[in-house]
PDB file of all heavy atoms in Angstrom:
ATOM      1  N   GLU A   1     -27.223 -28.862 -49.041  1.00  0.00           N
ATOM      2  CA  GLU A   1     -26.151 -29.684 -48.539  1.00  0.00           C
ATOM      3  C   GLU A   1     -26.302 -31.088 -49.065  1.00  0.00           C
ATOM      4  O   GLU A   1     -25.325 -31.843 -49.313  1.00  0.00           O
ATOM      5  CB  GLU A   1     -26.165 -29.719 -47.023  1.00  0.00           C
ATOM      6  CG  GLU A   1     -25.661 -28.349 -46.462  1.00  0.00           C
ATOM      7  CD  GLU A   1     -25.843 -28.206 -44.934  1.00  0.00           C
ATOM      8  OE1 GLU A   1     -25.921 -29.304 -44.267  1.00  0.00           O
ATOM      9  OE2 GLU A   1     -25.881 -27.097 -44.440  1.00  0.00           O
ATOM     10  N   GLU A   2     -27.581 -31.558 -49.271  1.00  0.00           N
ATOM     11  CA  GLU A   2     -27.744 -32.879 -49.784  1.00  0.00           C
ATOM     12  C   GLU A   2     -27.326 -32.901 -51.307  1.00  0.00           C
ATOM     13  O   GLU A   2     -26.882 -33.957 -51.823  1.00  0.00           O
ATOM     14  CB  GLU A   2     -29.229 -33.292 -49.699  1.00  0.00           C
ATOM     15  CG  GLU A   2     -29.672 -33.597 -48.278  1.00  0.00           C
ATOM     16  CD  GLU A   2     -28.954 -34.803 -47.712  1.00  0.00           C
ATOM     17  OE1 GLU A   2     -28.376 -35.607 -48.444  1.00  0.00           O
ATOM     18  OE2 GLU A   2     -29.020 -35.031 -46.508  1.00  0.00           O
ATOM     19  N   VAL A   3     -27.477 -31.745 -51.994  1.00  0.00           N
ATOM     20  CA  VAL A   3     -27.051 -31.686 -53.378  1.00  0.00           C
ATOM     21  C   VAL A   3     -25.467 -31.849 -53.355  1.00  0.00           C
ATOM     22  O   VAL A   3     -24.907 -32.549 -54.155  1.00  0.00           O
ATOM     23  CB  VAL A   3     -27.436 -30.432 -54.001  1.00  0.00           C
ATOM     24  CG1 VAL A   3     -26.917 -30.344 -55.480  1.00  0.00           C
ATOM     25  CG2 VAL A   3     -28.969 -30.221 -53.970  1.00  0.00           C
ATOM     26  N   ALA A   4     -24.872 -31.132 -52.487  1.00  0.00           N
ATOM     27  CA  ALA A   4     -23.360 -31.174 -52.390  1.00  0.00           C
ATOM     28  C   ALA A   4     -22.907 -32.647 -52.129  1.00  0.00           C
ATOM     29  O   ALA A   4     -21.990 -33.108 -52.743  1.00  0.00           O
ATOM     30  CB  ALA A   4     -22.830 -30.271 -51.281  1.00  0.00           C
ATOM     31  N   ASN A   5     -23.647 -33.339 -51.204  1.00  0.00           N
ATOM     32  CA  ASN A   5     -23.283 -34.691 -50.906  1.00  0.00           C
ATOM     33  C   ASN A   5     -23.396 -35.584 -52.156  1.00  0.00           C
ATOM     34  O   ASN A   5     -22.551 -36.424 -52.379  1.00  0.00           O
ATOM     35  CB  ASN A   5     -24.158 -35.185 -49.788  1.00  0.00           C
ATOM     36  CG  ASN A   5     -23.775 -36.582 -49.394  1.00  0.00           C
ATOM     37  OD1 ASN A   5     -22.706 -36.800 -48.896  1.00  0.00           O
ATOM     38  ND2 ASN A   5     -24.800 -37.533 -49.491  1.00  0.00           N
ATOM     39  N   ALA A   6     -24.362 -35.339 -52.933  1.00  0.00           N
ATOM     40  CA  ALA A   6     -24.650 -36.132 -54.170  1.00  0.00           C
ATOM     41  C   ALA A   6     -23.599 -35.746 -55.313  1.00  0.00           C
ATOM     42  O   ALA A   6     -23.537 -36.504 -56.283  1.00  0.00           O
ATOM     43  CB  ALA A   6     -26.038 -35.995 -54.708  1.00  0.00           C
ATOM     44  N   LEU A   7     -22.914 -34.616 -55.152  1.00  0.00           N
ATOM     45  CA  LEU A   7     -21.963 -34.181 -56.193  1.00  0.00           C
ATOM     46  C   LEU A   7     -20.601 -34.723 -56.049  1.00  0.00           C
ATOM     47  O   LEU A   7     -19.715 -34.507 -56.840  1.00  0.00           O
ATOM     48  CB  LEU A   7     -21.925 -32.645 -56.232  1.00  0.00           C
ATOM     49  CG  LEU A   7     -23.136 -31.906 -56.835  1.00  0.00           C
ATOM     50  CD1 LEU A   7     -22.932 -30.458 -56.609  1.00  0.00           C
ATOM     51  CD2 LEU A   7     -23.206 -32.200 -58.327  1.00  0.00           C
ATOM     52  N   ARG A   8     -20.392 -35.426 -54.906  1.00  0.00           N
ATOM     53  CA  ARG A   8     -19.007 -35.883 -54.577  1.00  0.00           C
ATOM     54  C   ARG A   8     -18.321 -36.735 -55.650  1.00  0.00           C
ATOM     55  O   ARG A   8     -17.189 -36.791 -55.751  1.00  0.00           O
ATOM     56  CB  ARG A   8     -19.048 -36.552 -53.213  1.00  0.00           C
ATOM     57  CG  ARG A   8     -19.204 -35.612 -52.067  1.00  0.00           C
ATOM     58  CD  ARG A   8     -19.072 -36.305 -50.758  1.00  0.00           C
ATOM     59  NE  ARG A   8     -20.079 -37.382 -50.564  1.00  0.00           N
ATOM     60  CZ  ARG A   8     -20.084 -38.226 -49.550  1.00  0.00           C
ATOM     61  NH1 ARG A   8     -19.087 -38.157 -48.654  1.00  0.00           N
ATOM     62  NH2 ARG A   8     -20.986 -39.140 -49.475  1.00  0.00           N
ATOM     63  N   GLY A   9     -19.101 -37.435 -56.460  1.00  0.00           N
ATOM     64  CA  GLY A   9     -18.598 -38.259 -57.526  1.00  0.00           C
ATOM     65  C   GLY A   9     -18.313 -37.549 -58.826  1.00  0.00           C
ATOM     66  O   GLY A   9     -17.794 -38.085 -59.759  1.00  0.00           O
ATOM     67  N   HIS A  10     -18.704 -36.259 -58.883  1.00  0.00           N
ATOM     68  CA  HIS A  10     -18.547 -35.505 -60.109  1.00  0.00           C
ATOM     69  C   HIS A  10     -17.043 -35.143 -60.296  1.00  0.00           C
ATOM     70  O   HIS A  10     -16.227 -35.160 -59.322  1.00  0.00           O
ATOM     71  CB  HIS A  10     -19.321 -34.170 -60.031  1.00  0.00           C
ATOM     72  CG  HIS A  10     -20.796 -34.333 -60.415  1.00  0.00           C
ATOM     73  ND1 HIS A  10     -21.645 -35.250 -59.875  1.00  0.00           N
ATOM     74  CD2 HIS A  10     -21.525 -33.655 -61.391  1.00  0.00           C
ATOM     75  CE1 HIS A  10     -22.818 -35.161 -60.472  1.00  0.00           C
ATOM     76  NE2 HIS A  10     -22.783 -34.243 -61.334  1.00  0.00           N
ATOM     77  N   GLN A  11     -16.684 -34.669 -61.514  1.00  0.00           N
ATOM     78  CA  GLN A  11     -15.291 -34.388 -61.891  1.00  0.00           C
ATOM     79  C   GLN A  11     -15.250 -32.913 -62.399  1.00  0.00           C
ATOM     80  O   GLN A  11     -16.154 -32.433 -63.093  1.00  0.00           O
ATOM     81  CB  GLN A  11     -14.714 -35.374 -62.798  1.00  0.00           C
ATOM     82  CG  GLN A  11     -14.626 -36.815 -62.245  1.00  0.00           C
ATOM     83  CD  GLN A  11     -13.923 -37.753 -63.180  1.00  0.00           C
ATOM     84  OE1 GLN A  11     -13.346 -37.357 -64.144  1.00  0.00           O
ATOM     85  NE2 GLN A  11     -13.946 -38.982 -62.859  1.00  0.00           N
ATOM     86  N   ASP A  12     -14.065 -32.349 -62.120  1.00  0.00           N
ATOM     87  CA  ASP A  12     -13.758 -31.022 -62.649  1.00  0.00           C
ATOM     88  C   ASP A  12     -14.819 -29.970 -62.387  1.00  0.00           C
ATOM     89  O   ASP A  12     -15.211 -29.209 -63.289  1.00  0.00           O
ATOM     90  CB  ASP A  12     -13.506 -31.130 -64.174  1.00  0.00           C
ATOM     91  CG  ASP A  12     -12.362 -32.130 -64.456  1.00  0.00           C
ATOM     92  OD1 ASP A  12     -11.405 -32.146 -63.696  1.00  0.00           O
ATOM     93  OD2 ASP A  12     -12.580 -32.963 -65.462  1.00  0.00           O
ATOM     94  N   LEU A  13     -15.244 -29.912 -61.166  1.00  0.00           N
ATOM     95  CA  LEU A  13     -16.206 -28.862 -60.761  1.00  0.00           C
ATOM     96  C   LEU A  13     -15.483 -27.782 -60.040  1.00  0.00           C
ATOM     97  O   LEU A  13     -14.479 -27.994 -59.297  1.00  0.00           O
ATOM     98  CB  LEU A  13     -17.252 -29.455 -59.823  1.00  0.00           C
ATOM     99  CG  LEU A  13     -18.237 -30.402 -60.369  1.00  0.00           C
ATOM    100  CD1 LEU A  13     -19.231 -30.834 -59.308  1.00  0.00           C
ATOM    101  CD2 LEU A  13     -18.937 -30.034 -61.659  1.00  0.00           C
ATOM    102  N   LEU A  14     -15.958 -26.517 -60.192  1.00  0.00           N
ATOM    103  CA  LEU A  14     -15.567 -25.370 -59.378  1.00  0.00           C
ATOM    104  C   LEU A  14     -16.853 -25.011 -58.621  1.00  0.00           C
ATOM    105  O   LEU A  14     -17.796 -24.628 -59.158  1.00  0.00           O
ATOM    106  CB  LEU A  14     -15.128 -24.196 -60.266  1.00  0.00           C
ATOM    107  CG  LEU A  14     -14.927 -22.906 -59.499  1.00  0.00           C
ATOM    108  CD1 LEU A  14     -13.756 -23.043 -58.418  1.00  0.00           C
ATOM    109  CD2 LEU A  14     -14.574 -21.764 -60.477  1.00  0.00           C
ATOM    110  N   VAL A  15     -16.726 -25.133 -57.286  1.00  0.00           N
ATOM    111  CA  VAL A  15     -17.847 -24.854 -56.373  1.00  0.00           C
ATOM    112  C   VAL A  15     -17.522 -23.644 -55.533  1.00  0.00           C
ATOM    113  O   VAL A  15     -16.515 -23.631 -54.744  1.00  0.00           O
ATOM    114  CB  VAL A  15     -18.195 -26.065 -55.483  1.00  0.00           C
ATOM    115  CG1 VAL A  15     -19.272 -25.725 -54.495  1.00  0.00           C
ATOM    116  CG2 VAL A  15     -18.574 -27.312 -56.350  1.00  0.00           C
ATOM    117  N   ILE A  16     -18.359 -22.653 -55.608  1.00  0.00           N
ATOM    118  CA  ILE A  16     -18.187 -21.474 -54.705  1.00  0.00           C
ATOM    119  C   ILE A  16     -19.403 -21.483 -53.763  1.00  0.00           C
ATOM    120  O   ILE A  16     -20.545 -21.623 -54.237  1.00  0.00           O
ATOM    121  CB  ILE A  16     -18.248 -20.121 -55.524  1.00  0.00           C
ATOM    122  CG1 ILE A  16     -17.161 -20.083 -56.598  1.00  0.00           C
ATOM    123  CG2 ILE A  16     -18.144 -18.919 -54.584  1.00  0.00           C
ATOM    124  CD1 ILE A  16     -17.560 -20.440 -57.939  1.00  0.00           C
ATOM    125  N   THR A  17     -19.086 -21.419 -52.507  1.00  0.00           N
ATOM    126  CA  THR A  17     -20.202 -21.556 -51.501  1.00  0.00           C
ATOM    127  C   THR A  17     -20.012 -20.596 -50.334  1.00  0.00           C
ATOM    128  O   THR A  17     -18.879 -20.241 -49.953  1.00  0.00           O
ATOM    129  CB  THR A  17     -20.307 -23.035 -51.049  1.00  0.00           C
ATOM    130  OG1 THR A  17     -21.396 -23.194 -50.145  1.00  0.00           O
ATOM    131  CG2 THR A  17     -18.969 -23.439 -50.244  1.00  0.00           C
ATOM    132  N   ASN A  18     -21.114 -20.264 -49.652  1.00  0.00           N
ATOM    133  CA  ASN A  18     -21.094 -19.598 -48.412  1.00  0.00           C
ATOM    134  C   ASN A  18     -21.643 -20.447 -47.331  1.00  0.00           C
ATOM    135  O   ASN A  18     -22.176 -20.010 -46.341  1.00  0.00           O
ATOM    136  CB  ASN A  18     -21.869 -18.206 -48.465  1.00  0.00           C
ATOM    137  CG  ASN A  18     -23.255 -18.469 -48.847  1.00  0.00           C
ATOM    138  OD1 ASN A  18     -23.645 -19.392 -49.478  1.00  0.00           O
ATOM    139  ND2 ASN A  18     -24.110 -17.508 -48.415  1.00  0.00           N
ATOM    140  N   ASN A  19     -21.473 -21.748 -47.521  1.00  0.00           N
ATOM    141  CA  ASN A  19     -21.981 -22.733 -46.533  1.00  0.00           C
ATOM    142  C   ASN A  19     -20.831 -23.655 -46.158  1.00  0.00           C
ATOM    143  O   ASN A  19     -20.307 -24.454 -46.972  1.00  0.00           O
ATOM    144  CB  ASN A  19     -23.051 -23.547 -47.281  1.00  0.00           C
ATOM    145  CG  ASN A  19     -23.752 -24.570 -46.388  1.00  0.00           C
ATOM    146  OD1 ASN A  19     -23.203 -25.054 -45.383  1.00  0.00           O
ATOM    147  ND2 ASN A  19     -24.972 -24.950 -46.699  1.00  0.00           N
ATOM    148  N   LEU A  20     -20.352 -23.544 -44.926  1.00  0.00           N
ATOM    149  CA  LEU A  20     -19.203 -24.257 -44.520  1.00  0.00           C
ATOM    150  C   LEU A  20     -19.478 -25.748 -44.481  1.00  0.00           C
ATOM    151  O   LEU A  20     -18.569 -26.593 -44.687  1.00  0.00           O
ATOM    152  CB  LEU A  20     -18.835 -23.868 -43.059  1.00  0.00           C
ATOM    153  CG  LEU A  20     -18.230 -22.465 -42.838  1.00  0.00           C
ATOM    154  CD1 LEU A  20     -17.681 -22.273 -41.465  1.00  0.00           C
ATOM    155  CD2 LEU A  20     -17.029 -22.244 -43.871  1.00  0.00           C
ATOM    156  N   ASN A  21     -20.688 -26.180 -44.291  1.00  0.00           N
ATOM    157  CA  ASN A  21     -21.048 -27.590 -44.353  1.00  0.00           C
ATOM    158  C   ASN A  21     -20.901 -28.160 -45.748  1.00  0.00           C
ATOM    159  O   ASN A  21     -20.373 -29.319 -45.904  1.00  0.00           O
ATOM    160  CB  ASN A  21     -22.468 -27.800 -43.867  1.00  0.00           C
ATOM    161  CG  ASN A  21     -22.704 -27.381 -42.458  1.00  0.00           C
ATOM    162  OD1 ASN A  21     -22.045 -27.844 -41.543  1.00  0.00           O
ATOM    163  ND2 ASN A  21     -23.617 -26.430 -42.251  1.00  0.00           N
ATOM    164  N   VAL A  22     -21.160 -27.382 -46.773  1.00  0.00           N
ATOM    165  CA  VAL A  22     -20.913 -27.763 -48.139  1.00  0.00           C
ATOM    166  C   VAL A  22     -19.475 -27.889 -48.376  1.00  0.00           C
ATOM    167  O   VAL A  22     -18.963 -28.879 -49.003  1.00  0.00           O
ATOM    168  CB  VAL A  22     -21.604 -26.776 -49.088  1.00  0.00           C
ATOM    169  CG1 VAL A  22     -21.072 -26.960 -50.575  1.00  0.00           C
ATOM    170  CG2 VAL A  22     -23.071 -26.861 -49.081  1.00  0.00           C
ATOM    171  N   ALA A  23     -18.685 -26.886 -47.974  1.00  0.00           N
ATOM    172  CA  ALA A  23     -17.190 -26.929 -48.139  1.00  0.00           C
ATOM    173  C   ALA A  23     -16.582 -28.147 -47.500  1.00  0.00           C
ATOM    174  O   ALA A  23     -15.749 -28.804 -48.115  1.00  0.00           O
ATOM    175  CB  ALA A  23     -16.607 -25.670 -47.540  1.00  0.00           C
ATOM    176  N   MET A  24     -17.061 -28.533 -46.282  1.00  0.00           N
ATOM    177  CA  MET A  24     -16.585 -29.721 -45.643  1.00  0.00           C
ATOM    178  C   MET A  24     -16.855 -30.972 -46.369  1.00  0.00           C
ATOM    179  O   MET A  24     -16.028 -31.963 -46.287  1.00  0.00           O
ATOM    180  CB  MET A  24     -17.094 -29.800 -44.186  1.00  0.00           C
ATOM    181  CG  MET A  24     -16.532 -28.672 -43.270  1.00  0.00           C
ATOM    182  SD  MET A  24     -14.774 -28.747 -43.082  1.00  0.00           S
ATOM    183  CE  MET A  24     -14.589 -30.211 -42.125  1.00  0.00           C
ATOM    184  N   GLN A  25     -18.013 -31.048 -47.001  1.00  0.00           N
ATOM    185  CA  GLN A  25     -18.347 -32.208 -47.772  1.00  0.00           C
ATOM    186  C   GLN A  25     -17.500 -32.405 -49.016  1.00  0.00           C
ATOM    187  O   GLN A  25     -17.282 -33.568 -49.373  1.00  0.00           O
ATOM    188  CB  GLN A  25     -19.866 -32.163 -48.137  1.00  0.00           C
ATOM    189  CG  GLN A  25     -20.801 -32.345 -47.008  1.00  0.00           C
ATOM    190  CD  GLN A  25     -22.313 -32.254 -47.483  1.00  0.00           C
ATOM    191  OE1 GLN A  25     -22.606 -31.315 -48.298  1.00  0.00           O
ATOM    192  NE2 GLN A  25     -23.153 -33.094 -47.025  1.00  0.00           N
ATOM    193  N   LEU A  26     -17.079 -31.250 -49.624  1.00  0.00           N
ATOM    194  CA  LEU A  26     -16.484 -31.378 -50.968  1.00  0.00           C
ATOM    195  C   LEU A  26     -14.980 -31.129 -51.035  1.00  0.00           C
ATOM    196  O   LEU A  26     -14.376 -31.569 -52.007  1.00  0.00           O
ATOM    197  CB  LEU A  26     -17.182 -30.344 -51.906  1.00  0.00           C
ATOM    198  CG  LEU A  26     -18.716 -30.635 -52.160  1.00  0.00           C
ATOM    199  CD1 LEU A  26     -19.216 -29.516 -53.037  1.00  0.00           C
ATOM    200  CD2 LEU A  26     -18.938 -31.971 -52.769  1.00  0.00           C
ATOM    201  N   TYR A  27     -14.386 -30.507 -50.004  1.00  0.00           N
ATOM    202  CA  TYR A  27     -13.029 -30.058 -50.227  1.00  0.00           C
ATOM    203  C   TYR A  27     -12.002 -31.241 -50.314  1.00  0.00           C
ATOM    204  O   TYR A  27     -10.985 -31.064 -50.897  1.00  0.00           O
ATOM    205  CB  TYR A  27     -12.580 -29.182 -49.113  1.00  0.00           C
ATOM    206  CG  TYR A  27     -12.102 -29.796 -47.841  1.00  0.00           C
ATOM    207  CD1 TYR A  27     -10.779 -29.998 -47.547  1.00  0.00           C
ATOM    208  CD2 TYR A  27     -12.962 -30.218 -46.732  1.00  0.00           C
ATOM    209  CE1 TYR A  27     -10.332 -30.588 -46.380  1.00  0.00           C
ATOM    210  CE2 TYR A  27     -12.646 -30.834 -45.735  1.00  0.00           C
ATOM    211  CZ  TYR A  27     -11.226 -31.057 -45.491  1.00  0.00           C
ATOM    212  OH  TYR A  27     -10.796 -31.613 -44.312  1.00  0.00           O
ATOM    213  N   ARG A  28     -12.352 -32.398 -49.883  1.00  0.00           N
ATOM    214  CA  ARG A  28     -11.489 -33.593 -49.957  1.00  0.00           C
ATOM    215  C   ARG A  28     -11.615 -34.237 -51.373  1.00  0.00           C
ATOM    216  O   ARG A  28     -10.729 -35.130 -51.638  1.00  0.00           O
ATOM    217  CB  ARG A  28     -11.743 -34.645 -48.903  1.00  0.00           C
ATOM    218  CG  ARG A  28     -11.339 -34.150 -47.515  1.00  0.00           C
ATOM    219  CD  ARG A  28     -11.500 -35.294 -46.538  1.00  0.00           C
ATOM    220  NE  ARG A  28     -10.966 -34.988 -45.224  1.00  0.00           N
ATOM    221  CZ  ARG A  28     -11.733 -34.585 -44.255  1.00  0.00           C
ATOM    222  NH1 ARG A  28     -13.073 -34.346 -44.431  1.00  0.00           N
ATOM    223  NH2 ARG A  28     -11.226 -34.260 -43.040  1.00  0.00           N
ATOM    224  N   GLN A  29     -12.483 -33.906 -52.183  1.00  0.00           N
ATOM    225  CA  GLN A  29     -12.670 -34.574 -53.408  1.00  0.00           C
ATOM    226  C   GLN A  29     -11.604 -33.965 -54.426  1.00  0.00           C
ATOM    227  O   GLN A  29     -11.499 -32.788 -54.717  1.00  0.00           O
ATOM    228  CB  GLN A  29     -14.089 -34.303 -53.985  1.00  0.00           C
ATOM    229  CG  GLN A  29     -15.239 -34.687 -53.004  1.00  0.00           C
ATOM    230  CD  GLN A  29     -15.074 -36.185 -52.611  1.00  0.00           C
ATOM    231  OE1 GLN A  29     -14.900 -37.029 -53.380  1.00  0.00           O
ATOM    232  NE2 GLN A  29     -15.235 -36.333 -51.305  1.00  0.00           N
ATOM    233  N   PRO A  30     -10.783 -34.856 -54.982  1.00  0.00           N
ATOM    234  CA  PRO A  30      -9.705 -34.388 -55.764  1.00  0.00           C
ATOM    235  C   PRO A  30     -10.012 -33.778 -57.099  1.00  0.00           C
ATOM    236  O   PRO A  30      -9.253 -32.916 -57.642  1.00  0.00           O
ATOM    237  CB  PRO A  30      -8.833 -35.638 -56.005  1.00  0.00           C
ATOM    238  CG  PRO A  30      -9.846 -36.804 -55.884  1.00  0.00           C
ATOM    239  CD  PRO A  30     -10.795 -36.373 -54.850  1.00  0.00           C
ATOM    240  N   LYS A  31     -11.203 -33.951 -57.571  1.00  0.00           N
ATOM    241  CA  LYS A  31     -11.666 -33.426 -58.844  1.00  0.00           C
ATOM    242  C   LYS A  31     -12.611 -32.251 -58.671  1.00  0.00           C
ATOM    243  O   LYS A  31     -13.283 -31.808 -59.660  1.00  0.00           O
ATOM    244  CB  LYS A  31     -12.406 -34.501 -59.682  1.00  0.00           C
ATOM    245  CG  LYS A  31     -11.481 -35.719 -60.088  1.00  0.00           C
ATOM    246  CD  LYS A  31     -10.417 -35.196 -61.004  1.00  0.00           C
ATOM    247  CE  LYS A  31      -9.517 -36.394 -61.504  1.00  0.00           C
ATOM    248  NZ  LYS A  31      -8.443 -35.940 -62.490  1.00  0.00           N
ATOM    249  N   ILE A  32     -12.746 -31.734 -57.411  1.00  0.00           N
ATOM    250  CA  ILE A  32     -13.599 -30.578 -57.186  1.00  0.00           C
ATOM    251  C   ILE A  32     -12.857 -29.511 -56.512  1.00  0.00           C
ATOM    252  O   ILE A  32     -12.256 -29.763 -55.409  1.00  0.00           O
ATOM    253  CB  ILE A  32     -14.880 -31.026 -56.326  1.00  0.00           C
ATOM    254  CG1 ILE A  32     -15.654 -32.088 -57.054  1.00  0.00           C
ATOM    255  CG2 ILE A  32     -15.700 -29.808 -55.934  1.00  0.00           C
ATOM    256  CD1 ILE A  32     -16.876 -32.622 -56.169  1.00  0.00           C
ATOM    257  N   GLU A  33     -12.791 -28.313 -57.053  1.00  0.00           N
ATOM    258  CA  GLU A  33     -12.183 -27.181 -56.351  1.00  0.00           C
ATOM    259  C   GLU A  33     -13.266 -26.432 -55.614  1.00  0.00           C
ATOM    260  O   GLU A  33     -14.233 -26.093 -56.173  1.00  0.00           O
ATOM    261  CB  GLU A  33     -11.490 -26.312 -57.422  1.00  0.00           C
ATOM    262  CG  GLU A  33     -10.790 -25.129 -56.806  1.00  0.00           C
ATOM    263  CD  GLU A  33     -10.131 -24.202 -57.823  1.00  0.00           C
ATOM    264  OE1 GLU A  33     -10.102 -24.580 -59.016  1.00  0.00           O
ATOM    265  OE2 GLU A  33      -9.587 -23.101 -57.379  1.00  0.00           O
ATOM    266  N   VAL A  34     -12.908 -26.123 -54.431  1.00  0.00           N
ATOM    267  CA  VAL A  34     -13.963 -25.399 -53.570  1.00  0.00           C
ATOM    268  C   VAL A  34     -13.327 -23.970 -53.191  1.00  0.00           C
ATOM    269  O   VAL A  34     -12.226 -23.901 -52.741  1.00  0.00           O
ATOM    270  CB  VAL A  34     -14.287 -26.223 -52.314  1.00  0.00           C
ATOM    271  CG1 VAL A  34     -15.196 -25.460 -51.389  1.00  0.00           C
ATOM    272  CG2 VAL A  34     -14.783 -27.517 -52.633  1.00  0.00           C
ATOM    273  N   ILE A  35     -14.237 -23.003 -53.326  1.00  0.00           N
ATOM    274  CA  ILE A  35     -13.879 -21.660 -52.901  1.00  0.00           C
ATOM    275  C   ILE A  35     -14.969 -21.252 -51.884  1.00  0.00           C
ATOM    276  O   ILE A  35     -16.168 -21.348 -52.182  1.00  0.00           O
ATOM    277  CB  ILE A  35     -13.861 -20.602 -54.103  1.00  0.00           C
ATOM    278  CG1 ILE A  35     -12.752 -21.009 -55.027  1.00  0.00           C
ATOM    279  CG2 ILE A  35     -13.679 -19.240 -53.541  1.00  0.00           C
ATOM    280  CD1 ILE A  35     -12.728 -20.117 -56.284  1.00  0.00           C
ATOM    281  N   VAL A  36     -14.485 -20.887 -50.662  1.00  0.00           N
ATOM    282  CA  VAL A  36     -15.458 -20.426 -49.624  1.00  0.00           C
ATOM    283  C   VAL A  36     -15.491 -18.972 -49.531  1.00  0.00           C
ATOM    284  O   VAL A  36     -14.420 -18.270 -49.390  1.00  0.00           O
ATOM    285  CB  VAL A  36     -15.049 -21.142 -48.295  1.00  0.00           C
ATOM    286  CG1 VAL A  36     -16.022 -20.717 -47.169  1.00  0.00           C
ATOM    287  CG2 VAL A  36     -14.917 -22.587 -48.420  1.00  0.00           C
ATOM    288  N   ALA A  37     -16.681 -18.404 -49.468  1.00  0.00           N
ATOM    289  CA  ALA A  37     -16.843 -16.917 -49.224  1.00  0.00           C
ATOM    290  C   ALA A  37     -16.349 -16.583 -47.915  1.00  0.00           C
ATOM    291  O   ALA A  37     -16.600 -17.360 -46.889  1.00  0.00           O
ATOM    292  CB  ALA A  37     -18.323 -16.562 -49.471  1.00  0.00           C
ATOM    293  N   GLY A  38     -15.741 -15.406 -47.769  1.00  0.00           N
ATOM    294  CA  GLY A  38     -15.283 -14.955 -46.481  1.00  0.00           C
ATOM    295  C   GLY A  38     -16.313 -14.135 -45.764  1.00  0.00           C
ATOM    296  O   GLY A  38     -17.252 -13.603 -46.377  1.00  0.00           O
ATOM    297  N   GLY A  39     -16.172 -13.996 -44.466  1.00  0.00           N
ATOM    298  CA  GLY A  39     -17.087 -13.160 -43.730  1.00  0.00           C
ATOM    299  C   GLY A  39     -17.442 -13.803 -42.393  1.00  0.00           C
ATOM    300  O   GLY A  39     -16.812 -14.774 -41.958  1.00  0.00           O
ATOM    301  N   SER A  40     -18.469 -13.271 -41.739  1.00  0.00           N
ATOM    302  CA  SER A  40     -18.903 -13.728 -40.414  1.00  0.00           C
ATOM    303  C   SER A  40     -19.541 -15.126 -40.619  1.00  0.00           C
ATOM    304  O   SER A  40     -20.385 -15.287 -41.547  1.00  0.00           O
ATOM    305  CB  SER A  40     -19.854 -12.763 -39.777  1.00  0.00           C
ATOM    306  OG  SER A  40     -19.294 -11.513 -39.583  1.00  0.00           O
TER     307      SER A  40
END
């Protein structure tokens, strides 16, 4: 999650995660696309 926090200034990233905390950190960044794994 600290890595995700430090990536917020990056551009043109595609991030796939199974960590909702990571998704919440990154989904508002306009240059980062976030895909969240589904499941429990």
